Structure formats: structure tokens, C-alpha cells
């Protein structure tokens, strides 16, 4: 699971790096470095809305699955219900925090 996440993160970093290097190469060819940096910043900021939408969709899915799990444990009389509620609430709180940070970071 973590290897896959690390692999995806490395791919995203590589794509952003290649976009930046491509813009930098174009700016050096034309001599306009400020324009290339502005274009790269605009491109990266445009991904912010899509990332926030994906995180909110994941939050809804995790929230529904967590609610069903908690209801099932509560209905069956599991003594582990409080632990499930706390982990579910923690995951929801984490996604809200990440969404807020992404909004602040991407503008």
C-alpha cells in the first residue's frame, strides 16, 4: 500500500518537475524567464480545484463506509465501537485539514 503511494507521489513530482523544466527551457530560448515562471505557477494553481474536488469525493466515500462500519459494530454490540468511531472521525478530520491546506497552498 505504502509502496504504491510512494510510487504515485514520485510520479506526480516527476510530472511537475518536467513541466517546470519545460517552461524553463522555453523561457531560456525566448529570454523571458518571468513569463515562464508565471505560466508554470498558473498551471500548478489550476490543479488545486481538481485536487480539492478529488479529496472531497474521497471524504464522502470514506465517510459513508465509516458510517456503515460504525452502525454495523453498534448494531452487533461490539465492544470496539468507540475505537471505530474515533478512527472514522480522525480520517474525516484529516481530509478536511488536507482540503484546507490544499486550498491555502494553491490559492
Foldseek 3Di string as FASTA:
>chain_A
DVVVVVVVVVVVVVVLVVLLVVLCVVCVVVVNNVVSVVVSLVVVLVCLVVVLVVLVVVLVVLLVVLVVVLVVCVVVVPPCSVVSVVVSVVVNVVSVVVSVVSVVVSD
